[in-house]
Full PDB file with SEQRES, HELIX, SHEET, SSBOND, CRYST1, ORIGX, SCALE, CONECT and MASTER records, all heavy atoms in Angstrom:
SEQRES   1 A   33  LEU ALA ASN ARG PHE LEU ALA ALA LEU LEU VAL GLY VAL          
SEQRES   2 A   33  VAL LEU MET ILE THR PRO TYR THR ILE GLY TYR ALA GLY          
SEQRES   3 A   33  PHE TYR ASP ALA TYR PRO TRP                                  
HELIX    1 AA1 ALA A    2  TYR A   24  1                                  23    
HELIX    2 AA2 PHE A   27  ALA A   30  1                                   4    
CRYST1    1.000    1.000    1.000  90.00  90.00  90.00 P 1           1          
ORIGX1      1.000000  0.000000  0.000000        0.00000                         
ORIGX2      0.000000  1.000000  0.000000        0.00000                         
ORIGX3      0.000000  0.000000  1.000000        0.00000                         
SCALE1      1.000000  0.000000  0.000000        0.00000                         
SCALE2      0.000000  1.000000  0.000000        0.00000                         
SCALE3      0.000000  0.000000  1.000000        0.00000                         
ATOM      1  N   LEU A   1     270.878 194.122 -10.109  1.00  0.00           N  
ATOM      2  CA  LEU A   1     271.927 194.324 -11.108  1.00  0.00           C  
ATOM      3  C   LEU A   1     272.938 193.192 -11.070  1.00  0.00           C  
ATOM      4  O   LEU A   1     273.302 192.632 -12.113  1.00  0.00           O  
ATOM      5  CB  LEU A   1     272.613 195.671 -10.868  1.00  0.00           C  
ATOM      6  CG  LEU A   1     271.796 196.919 -11.225  1.00  0.00           C  
ATOM      7  CD1 LEU A   1     272.556 198.176 -10.824  1.00  0.00           C  
ATOM      8  CD2 LEU A   1     271.489 196.950 -12.717  1.00  0.00           C  
ATOM      9  N   ALA A   2     273.409 192.853  -9.879  1.00  0.00           N  
ATOM     10  CA  ALA A   2     274.402 191.787  -9.765  1.00  0.00           C  
ATOM     11  C   ALA A   2     273.848 190.477 -10.308  1.00  0.00           C  
ATOM     12  O   ALA A   2     274.516 189.777 -11.090  1.00  0.00           O  
ATOM     13  CB  ALA A   2     274.825 191.618  -8.303  1.00  0.00           C  
ATOM     14  N   ASN A   3     272.634 190.127  -9.921  1.00  0.00           N  
ATOM     15  CA  ASN A   3     272.058 188.855 -10.363  1.00  0.00           C  
ATOM     16  C   ASN A   3     271.831 188.810 -11.867  1.00  0.00           C  
ATOM     17  O   ASN A   3     271.943 187.749 -12.485  1.00  0.00           O  
ATOM     18  CB  ASN A   3     270.750 188.596  -9.621  1.00  0.00           C  
ATOM     19  CG  ASN A   3     270.978 188.254  -8.162  1.00  0.00           C  
ATOM     20  OD1 ASN A   3     272.010 187.717  -7.800  1.00  0.00           O  
ATOM     21  ND2 ASN A   3     270.005 188.576  -7.323  1.00  0.00           N  
ATOM     22  N   ARG A   4     271.545 189.952 -12.464  1.00  0.00           N  
ATOM     23  CA  ARG A   4     271.358 189.949 -13.918  1.00  0.00           C  
ATOM     24  C   ARG A   4     272.677 189.775 -14.661  1.00  0.00           C  
ATOM     25  O   ARG A   4     272.721 189.159 -15.733  1.00  0.00           O  
ATOM     26  CB  ARG A   4     270.655 191.231 -14.343  1.00  0.00           C  
ATOM     27  CG  ARG A   4     269.184 191.231 -13.939  1.00  0.00           C  
ATOM     28  CD  ARG A   4     268.455 192.489 -14.298  1.00  0.00           C  
ATOM     29  NE  ARG A   4     267.052 192.404 -13.903  1.00  0.00           N  
ATOM     30  CZ  ARG A   4     266.161 193.353 -14.100  1.00  0.00           C  
ATOM     31  NH1 ARG A   4     266.534 194.489 -14.700  1.00  0.00           N  
ATOM     32  NH2 ARG A   4     264.898 193.196 -13.712  1.00  0.00           N  
ATOM     33  N   PHE A   5     273.748 190.302 -14.101  1.00  0.00           N  
ATOM     34  CA  PHE A   5     275.051 190.062 -14.726  1.00  0.00           C  
ATOM     35  C   PHE A   5     275.434 188.588 -14.610  1.00  0.00           C  
ATOM     36  O   PHE A   5     276.006 188.016 -15.542  1.00  0.00           O  
ATOM     37  CB  PHE A   5     276.123 190.942 -14.083  1.00  0.00           C  
ATOM     38  CG  PHE A   5     276.098 192.368 -14.574  1.00  0.00           C  
ATOM     39  CD1 PHE A   5     275.800 193.411 -13.708  1.00  0.00           C  
ATOM     40  CD2 PHE A   5     276.349 192.664 -15.900  1.00  0.00           C  
ATOM     41  CE1 PHE A   5     275.765 194.728 -14.158  1.00  0.00           C  
ATOM     42  CE2 PHE A   5     276.315 193.974 -16.371  1.00  0.00           C  
ATOM     43  CZ  PHE A   5     276.017 195.007 -15.488  1.00  0.00           C  
ATOM     44  N   LEU A   6     275.131 187.973 -13.464  1.00  0.00           N  
ATOM     45  CA  LEU A   6     275.406 186.543 -13.335  1.00  0.00           C  
ATOM     46  C   LEU A   6     274.529 185.748 -14.297  1.00  0.00           C  
ATOM     47  O   LEU A   6     274.985 184.766 -14.901  1.00  0.00           O  
ATOM     48  CB  LEU A   6     275.161 186.094 -11.894  1.00  0.00           C  
ATOM     49  CG  LEU A   6     275.405 184.606 -11.623  1.00  0.00           C  
ATOM     50  CD1 LEU A   6     276.817 184.196 -12.019  1.00  0.00           C  
ATOM     51  CD2 LEU A   6     275.144 184.276 -10.163  1.00  0.00           C  
ATOM     52  N   ALA A   7     273.276 186.158 -14.460  1.00  0.00           N  
ATOM     53  CA  ALA A   7     272.392 185.492 -15.421  1.00  0.00           C  
ATOM     54  C   ALA A   7     272.959 185.591 -16.832  1.00  0.00           C  
ATOM     55  O   ALA A   7     272.945 184.616 -17.601  1.00  0.00           O  
ATOM     56  CB  ALA A   7     270.995 186.106 -15.358  1.00  0.00           C  
ATOM     57  N   ALA A   8     273.484 186.765 -17.184  1.00  0.00           N  
ATOM     58  CA  ALA A   8     274.082 186.941 -18.512  1.00  0.00           C  
ATOM     59  C   ALA A   8     275.290 186.036 -18.683  1.00  0.00           C  
ATOM     60  O   ALA A   8     275.497 185.446 -19.760  1.00  0.00           O  
ATOM     61  CB  ALA A   8     274.493 188.403 -18.704  1.00  0.00           C  
ATOM     62  N   LEU A   9     276.094 185.897 -17.631  1.00  0.00           N  
ATOM     63  CA  LEU A   9     277.260 185.016 -17.706  1.00  0.00           C  
ATOM     64  C   LEU A   9     276.833 183.571 -17.909  1.00  0.00           C  
ATOM     65  O   LEU A   9     277.405 182.848 -18.739  1.00  0.00           O  
ATOM     66  CB  LEU A   9     278.083 185.155 -16.427  1.00  0.00           C  
ATOM     67  CG  LEU A   9     279.324 184.263 -16.312  1.00  0.00           C  
ATOM     68  CD1 LEU A   9     280.292 184.534 -17.459  1.00  0.00           C  
ATOM     69  CD2 LEU A   9     280.018 184.478 -14.968  1.00  0.00           C  
ATOM     70  N   LEU A  10     275.814 183.138 -17.183  1.00  0.00           N  
ATOM     71  CA  LEU A  10     275.331 181.767 -17.325  1.00  0.00           C  
ATOM     72  C   LEU A  10     274.794 181.505 -18.728  1.00  0.00           C  
ATOM     73  O   LEU A  10     275.086 180.468 -19.338  1.00  0.00           O  
ATOM     74  CB  LEU A  10     274.237 181.488 -16.290  1.00  0.00           C  
ATOM     75  CG  LEU A  10     274.706 181.227 -14.866  1.00  0.00           C  
ATOM     76  CD1 LEU A  10     273.519 181.241 -13.913  1.00  0.00           C  
ATOM     77  CD2 LEU A  10     275.449 179.908 -14.783  1.00  0.00           C  
ATOM     78  N   VAL A  11     274.021 182.450 -19.245  1.00  0.00           N  
ATOM     79  CA  VAL A  11     273.478 182.277 -20.606  1.00  0.00           C  
ATOM     80  C   VAL A  11     274.613 182.217 -21.620  1.00  0.00           C  
ATOM     81  O   VAL A  11     274.598 181.392 -22.551  1.00  0.00           O  
ATOM     82  CB  VAL A  11     272.505 183.417 -20.935  1.00  0.00           C  
ATOM     83  CG1 VAL A  11     272.123 183.374 -22.419  1.00  0.00           C  
ATOM     84  CG2 VAL A  11     271.257 183.317 -20.072  1.00  0.00           C  
ATOM     85  N   GLY A  12     275.624 183.073 -21.450  1.00  0.00           N  
ATOM     86  CA  GLY A  12     276.760 183.056 -22.370  1.00  0.00           C  
ATOM     87  C   GLY A  12     277.500 181.730 -22.357  1.00  0.00           C  
ATOM     88  O   GLY A  12     277.892 181.209 -23.416  1.00  0.00           O  
ATOM     89  N   VAL A  13     277.695 181.164 -21.173  1.00  0.00           N  
ATOM     90  CA  VAL A  13     278.386 179.872 -21.072  1.00  0.00           C  
ATOM     91  C   VAL A  13     277.532 178.765 -21.696  1.00  0.00           C  
ATOM     92  O   VAL A  13     278.050 177.885 -22.394  1.00  0.00           O  
ATOM     93  CB  VAL A  13     278.719 179.548 -19.605  1.00  0.00           C  
ATOM     94  CG1 VAL A  13     279.317 178.146 -19.487  1.00  0.00           C  
ATOM     95  CG2 VAL A  13     279.698 180.574 -19.037  1.00  0.00           C  
ATOM     96  N   VAL A  14     276.227 178.809 -21.454  1.00  0.00           N  
ATOM     97  CA  VAL A  14     275.338 177.813 -22.059  1.00  0.00           C  
ATOM     98  C   VAL A  14     275.397 177.898 -23.580  1.00  0.00           C  
ATOM     99  O   VAL A  14     275.451 176.869 -24.281  1.00  0.00           O  
ATOM    100  CB  VAL A  14     273.893 178.003 -21.557  1.00  0.00           C  
ATOM    101  CG1 VAL A  14     272.913 177.172 -22.397  1.00  0.00           C  
ATOM    102  CG2 VAL A  14     273.788 177.606 -20.096  1.00  0.00           C  
ATOM    103  N   LEU A  15     275.407 179.107 -24.118  1.00  0.00           N  
ATOM    104  CA  LEU A  15     275.511 179.264 -25.572  1.00  0.00           C  
ATOM    105  C   LEU A  15     276.818 178.698 -26.090  1.00  0.00           C  
ATOM    106  O   LEU A  15     276.864 178.085 -27.170  1.00  0.00           O  
ATOM    107  CB  LEU A  15     275.392 180.741 -25.948  1.00  0.00           C  
ATOM    108  CG  LEU A  15     273.996 181.351 -25.843  1.00  0.00           C  
ATOM    109  CD1 LEU A  15     274.049 182.855 -26.100  1.00  0.00           C  
ATOM    110  CD2 LEU A  15     273.039 180.682 -26.834  1.00  0.00           C  
ATOM    111  N   MET A  16     277.894 178.861 -25.327  1.00  0.00           N  
ATOM    112  CA  MET A  16     279.188 178.320 -25.737  1.00  0.00           C  
ATOM    113  C   MET A  16     279.170 176.792 -25.765  1.00  0.00           C  
ATOM    114  O   MET A  16     279.820 176.168 -26.610  1.00  0.00           O  
ATOM    115  CB  MET A  16     280.265 178.821 -24.777  1.00  0.00           C  
ATOM    116  CG  MET A  16     281.665 178.349 -25.122  1.00  0.00           C  
ATOM    117  SD  MET A  16     282.868 179.035 -23.957  1.00  0.00           S  
ATOM    118  CE  MET A  16     284.352 178.147 -24.465  1.00  0.00           C  
ATOM    119  N   ILE A  17     278.412 176.184 -24.849  1.00  0.00           N  
ATOM    120  CA  ILE A  17     278.305 174.723 -24.804  1.00  0.00           C  
ATOM    121  C   ILE A  17     277.401 174.188 -25.912  1.00  0.00           C  
ATOM    122  O   ILE A  17     277.594 173.071 -26.407  1.00  0.00           O  
ATOM    123  CB  ILE A  17     277.762 174.279 -23.421  1.00  0.00           C  
ATOM    124  CG1 ILE A  17     278.757 174.641 -22.320  1.00  0.00           C  
ATOM    125  CG2 ILE A  17     277.462 172.786 -23.383  1.00  0.00           C  
ATOM    126  CD1 ILE A  17     278.225 174.395 -20.918  1.00  0.00           C  
ATOM    127  N   THR A  18     276.435 174.993 -26.332  1.00  0.00           N  
ATOM    128  CA  THR A  18     275.392 174.520 -27.250  1.00  0.00           C  
ATOM    129  C   THR A  18     275.909 173.899 -28.545  1.00  0.00           C  
ATOM    130  O   THR A  18     275.393 172.850 -28.978  1.00  0.00           O  
ATOM    131  CB  THR A  18     274.417 175.672 -27.570  1.00  0.00           C  
ATOM    132  OG1 THR A  18     273.793 176.097 -26.355  1.00  0.00           O  
ATOM    133  CG2 THR A  18     273.346 175.234 -28.555  1.00  0.00           C  
ATOM    134  N   PRO A  19     276.924 174.485 -29.229  1.00  0.00           N  
ATOM    135  CA  PRO A  19     277.388 173.833 -30.467  1.00  0.00           C  
ATOM    136  C   PRO A  19     277.861 172.398 -30.245  1.00  0.00           C  
ATOM    137  O   PRO A  19     277.692 171.544 -31.133  1.00  0.00           O  
ATOM    138  CB  PRO A  19     278.548 174.734 -30.918  1.00  0.00           C  
ATOM    139  CG  PRO A  19     278.235 176.062 -30.341  1.00  0.00           C  
ATOM    140  CD  PRO A  19     277.594 175.778 -29.018  1.00  0.00           C  
ATOM    141  N   TYR A  20     278.439 172.131 -29.084  1.00  0.00           N  
ATOM    142  CA  TYR A  20     278.876 170.767 -28.790  1.00  0.00           C  
ATOM    143  C   TYR A  20     277.690 169.897 -28.392  1.00  0.00           C  
ATOM    144  O   TYR A  20     277.644 168.708 -28.730  1.00  0.00           O  
ATOM    145  CB  TYR A  20     279.935 170.789 -27.689  1.00  0.00           C  
ATOM    146  CG  TYR A  20     281.281 171.222 -28.218  1.00  0.00           C  
ATOM    147  CD1 TYR A  20     281.551 172.554 -28.473  1.00  0.00           C  
ATOM    148  CD2 TYR A  20     282.266 170.280 -28.504  1.00  0.00           C  
ATOM    149  CE1 TYR A  20     282.768 172.959 -28.986  1.00  0.00           C  
ATOM    150  CE2 TYR A  20     283.494 170.673 -29.009  1.00  0.00           C  
ATOM    151  CZ  TYR A  20     283.735 172.013 -29.252  1.00  0.00           C  
ATOM    152  OH  TYR A  20     284.944 172.402 -29.779  1.00  0.00           O  
ATOM    153  N   THR A  21     276.721 170.462 -27.686  1.00  0.00           N  
ATOM    154  CA  THR A  21     275.528 169.699 -27.321  1.00  0.00           C  
ATOM    155  C   THR A  21     274.805 169.198 -28.565  1.00  0.00           C  
ATOM    156  O   THR A  21     274.477 168.016 -28.682  1.00  0.00           O  
ATOM    157  CB  THR A  21     274.566 170.573 -26.486  1.00  0.00           C  
ATOM    158  OG1 THR A  21     275.244 171.077 -25.342  1.00  0.00           O  
ATOM    159  CG2 THR A  21     273.353 169.773 -26.049  1.00  0.00           C  
ATOM    160  N   ILE A  22     274.560 170.108 -29.492  1.00  0.00           N  
ATOM    161  CA  ILE A  22     273.842 169.703 -30.704  1.00  0.00           C  
ATOM    162  C   ILE A  22     274.763 169.001 -31.696  1.00  0.00           C  
ATOM    163  O   ILE A  22     274.320 168.181 -32.494  1.00  0.00           O  
ATOM    164  CB  ILE A  22     273.153 170.910 -31.366  1.00  0.00           C  
ATOM    165  CG1 ILE A  22     274.172 171.934 -31.866  1.00  0.00           C  
ATOM    166  CG2 ILE A  22     272.169 171.554 -30.399  1.00  0.00           C  
ATOM    167  CD1 ILE A  22     273.546 173.120 -32.600  1.00  0.00           C  
ATOM    168  N   GLY A  23     276.061 169.316 -31.624  1.00  0.00           N  
ATOM    169  CA  GLY A  23     277.008 168.672 -32.535  1.00  0.00           C  
ATOM    170  C   GLY A  23     277.148 167.189 -32.246  1.00  0.00           C  
ATOM    171  O   GLY A  23     277.136 166.354 -33.165  1.00  0.00           O  
ATOM    172  N   TYR A  24     277.291 166.834 -30.958  1.00  0.00           N  
ATOM    173  CA  TYR A  24     277.379 165.421 -30.593  1.00  0.00           C  
ATOM    174  C   TYR A  24     276.096 164.673 -30.916  1.00  0.00           C  
ATOM    175  O   TYR A  24     276.109 163.454 -31.098  1.00  0.00           O  
ATOM    176  CB  TYR A  24     277.688 165.269 -29.102  1.00  0.00           C  
ATOM    177  CG  TYR A  24     279.073 165.726 -28.716  1.00  0.00           C  
ATOM    178  CD1 TYR A  24     279.268 166.512 -27.582  1.00  0.00           C  
ATOM    179  CD2 TYR A  24     280.181 165.375 -29.472  1.00  0.00           C  
ATOM    180  CE1 TYR A  24     280.541 166.938 -27.215  1.00  0.00           C  
ATOM    181  CE2 TYR A  24     281.452 165.803 -29.121  1.00  0.00           C  
ATOM    182  CZ  TYR A  24     281.622 166.579 -27.984  1.00  0.00           C  
ATOM    183  OH  TYR A  24     282.881 166.994 -27.629  1.00  0.00           O  
ATOM    184  N   ALA A  25     274.965 165.397 -30.998  1.00  0.00           N  
ATOM    185  CA  ALA A  25     273.681 164.766 -31.325  1.00  0.00           C  
ATOM    186  C   ALA A  25     273.462 164.659 -32.832  1.00  0.00           C  
ATOM    187  O   ALA A  25     272.461 164.090 -33.276  1.00  0.00           O  
ATOM    188  CB  ALA A  25     272.530 165.546 -30.692  1.00  0.00           C  
ATOM    189  N   GLY A  26     274.380 165.231 -33.637  1.00  0.00           N  
ATOM    190  CA  GLY A  26     274.284 165.089 -35.089  1.00  0.00           C  
ATOM    191  C   GLY A  26     273.587 166.217 -35.810  1.00  0.00           C  
ATOM    192  O   GLY A  26     273.280 166.094 -37.007  1.00  0.00           O  
ATOM    193  N   PHE A  27     273.365 167.343 -35.141  1.00  0.00           N  
ATOM    194  CA  PHE A  27     272.640 168.440 -35.779  1.00  0.00           C  
ATOM    195  C   PHE A  27     273.408 169.026 -36.955  1.00  0.00           C  
ATOM    196  O   PHE A  27     272.813 169.371 -37.980  1.00  0.00           O  
ATOM    197  CB  PHE A  27     272.359 169.547 -34.754  1.00  0.00           C  
ATOM    198  CG  PHE A  27     271.112 169.319 -33.947  1.00  0.00           C  
ATOM    199  CD1 PHE A  27     271.100 168.370 -32.940  1.00  0.00           C  
ATOM    200  CD2 PHE A  27     269.964 170.041 -34.211  1.00  0.00           C  
ATOM    201  CE1 PHE A  27     269.955 168.162 -32.193  1.00  0.00           C  
ATOM    202  CE2 PHE A  27     268.811 169.834 -33.465  1.00  0.00           C  
ATOM    203  CZ  PHE A  27     268.804 168.885 -32.443  1.00  0.00           C  
ATOM    204  N   TYR A  28     274.719 169.170 -36.820  1.00  0.00           N  
ATOM    205  CA  TYR A  28     275.488 169.799 -37.896  1.00  0.00           C  
ATOM    206  C   TYR A  28     275.568 168.899 -39.129  1.00  0.00           C  
ATOM    207  O   TYR A  28     275.696 169.394 -40.255  1.00  0.00           O  
ATOM    208  CB  TYR A  28     276.889 170.158 -37.404  1.00  0.00           C  
ATOM    209  CG  TYR A  28     276.900 171.376 -36.501  1.00  0.00           C  
ATOM    210  CD1 TYR A  28     276.965 171.238 -35.125  1.00  0.00           C  
ATOM    211  CD2 TYR A  28     276.809 172.656 -37.031  1.00  0.00           C  
ATOM    212  CE1 TYR A  28     276.962 172.343 -34.289  1.00  0.00           C  
ATOM    213  CE2 TYR A  28     276.797 173.771 -36.216  1.00  0.00           C  
ATOM    214  CZ  TYR A  28     276.867 173.616 -34.839  1.00  0.00           C  
ATOM    215  OH  TYR A  28     276.850 174.713 -34.021  1.00  0.00           O  
ATOM    216  N   ASP A  29     275.490 167.581 -38.916  1.00  0.00           N  
ATOM    217  CA  ASP A  29     275.450 166.671 -40.070  1.00  0.00           C  
ATOM    218  C   ASP A  29     274.097 166.747 -40.769  1.00  0.00           C  
ATOM    219  O   ASP A  29     274.017 166.728 -41.999  1.00  0.00           O  
ATOM    220  CB  ASP A  29     275.710 165.231 -39.615  1.00  0.00           C  
ATOM    221  CG  ASP A  29     277.117 165.047 -39.080  1.00  0.00           C  
ATOM    222  OD1 ASP A  29     278.028 165.757 -39.568  1.00  0.00           O  
ATOM    223  OD2 ASP A  29     277.305 164.222 -38.170  1.00  0.00           O  
ATOM    224  N   ALA A  30     273.037 166.858 -39.965  1.00  0.00           N  
ATOM    225  CA  ALA A  30     271.682 166.900 -40.542  1.00  0.00           C  
ATOM    226  C   ALA A  30     271.341 168.283 -41.077  1.00  0.00           C  
ATOM    227  O   ALA A  30     270.619 168.409 -42.081  1.00  0.00           O  
ATOM    228  CB  ALA A  30     270.659 166.473 -39.493  1.00  0.00           C  
ATOM    229  N   TYR A  31     271.852 169.316 -40.425  1.00  0.00           N  
ATOM    230  CA  TYR A  31     271.523 170.697 -40.813  1.00  0.00           C  
ATOM    231  C   TYR A  31     272.819 171.506 -40.932  1.00  0.00           C  
ATOM    232  O   TYR A  31     273.141 172.319 -40.053  1.00  0.00           O  
ATOM    233  CB  TYR A  31     270.603 171.342 -39.777  1.00  0.00           C  
ATOM    234  CG  TYR A  31     269.383 170.515 -39.442  1.00  0.00           C  
ATOM    235  CD1 TYR A  31     269.267 169.898 -38.199  1.00  0.00           C  
ATOM    236  CD2 TYR A  31     268.351 170.345 -40.363  1.00  0.00           C  
ATOM    237  CE1 TYR A  31     268.158 169.139 -37.878  1.00  0.00           C  
ATOM    238  CE2 TYR A  31     267.234 169.587 -40.059  1.00  0.00           C  
ATOM    239  CZ  TYR A  31     267.141 168.980 -38.812  1.00  0.00           C  
ATOM    240  OH  TYR A  31     266.041 168.228 -38.509  1.00  0.00           O  
ATOM    241  N   PRO A  32     273.572 171.328 -41.977  1.00  0.00           N  
ATOM    242  CA  PRO A  32     274.861 172.026 -42.100  1.00  0.00           C  
ATOM    243  C   PRO A  32     274.740 173.545 -42.135  1.00  0.00           C  
ATOM    244  O   PRO A  32     275.713 174.255 -41.885  1.00  0.00           O  
ATOM    245  CB  PRO A  32     275.430 171.483 -43.412  1.00  0.00           C  
ATOM    246  CG  PRO A  32     274.258 170.923 -44.157  1.00  0.00           C  
ATOM    247  CD  PRO A  32     273.311 170.431 -43.121  1.00  0.00           C  
ATOM    248  N   TRP A  33     273.531 174.052 -42.426  1.00  0.00           N  
ATOM    249  CA  TRP A  33     273.351 175.510 -42.444  1.00  0.00           C  
ATOM    250  C   TRP A  33     273.531 176.134 -41.056  1.00  0.00           C  
ATOM    251  O   TRP A  33     273.652 177.360 -40.923  1.00  0.00           O  
ATOM    252  CB  TRP A  33     271.971 175.871 -43.001  1.00  0.00           C  
ATOM    253  CG  TRP A  33     270.821 175.189 -42.308  1.00  0.00           C  
ATOM    254  CD1 TRP A  33     270.221 174.021 -42.665  1.00  0.00           C  
ATOM    255  CD2 TRP A  33     270.148 175.652 -41.128  1.00  0.00           C  
ATOM    256  NE1 TRP A  33     269.217 173.698 -41.798  1.00  0.00           N  
ATOM    257  CE2 TRP A  33     269.149 174.694 -40.836  1.00  0.00           C  
ATOM    258  CE3 TRP A  33     270.277 176.749 -40.300  1.00  0.00           C  
ATOM    259  CZ2 TRP A  33     268.289 174.813 -39.737  1.00  0.00           C  
ATOM    260  CZ3 TRP A  33     269.430 176.886 -39.211  1.00  0.00           C  
ATOM    261  CH2 TRP A  33     268.457 175.926 -38.936  1.00  0.00           C  
TER     262      TRP A  33                                                      
MASTER        0    0    0    2    0    0    0    6  261    1    0    3          
END                                                                             
């Protein structure tokens, strides 16, 4: 149980970083949708 909550926290933080990861690579300019 504890490890799955930590896994959920890690996935949530990664998702929060993702818009900047793909944004700096130009995804939002190429795919504004």
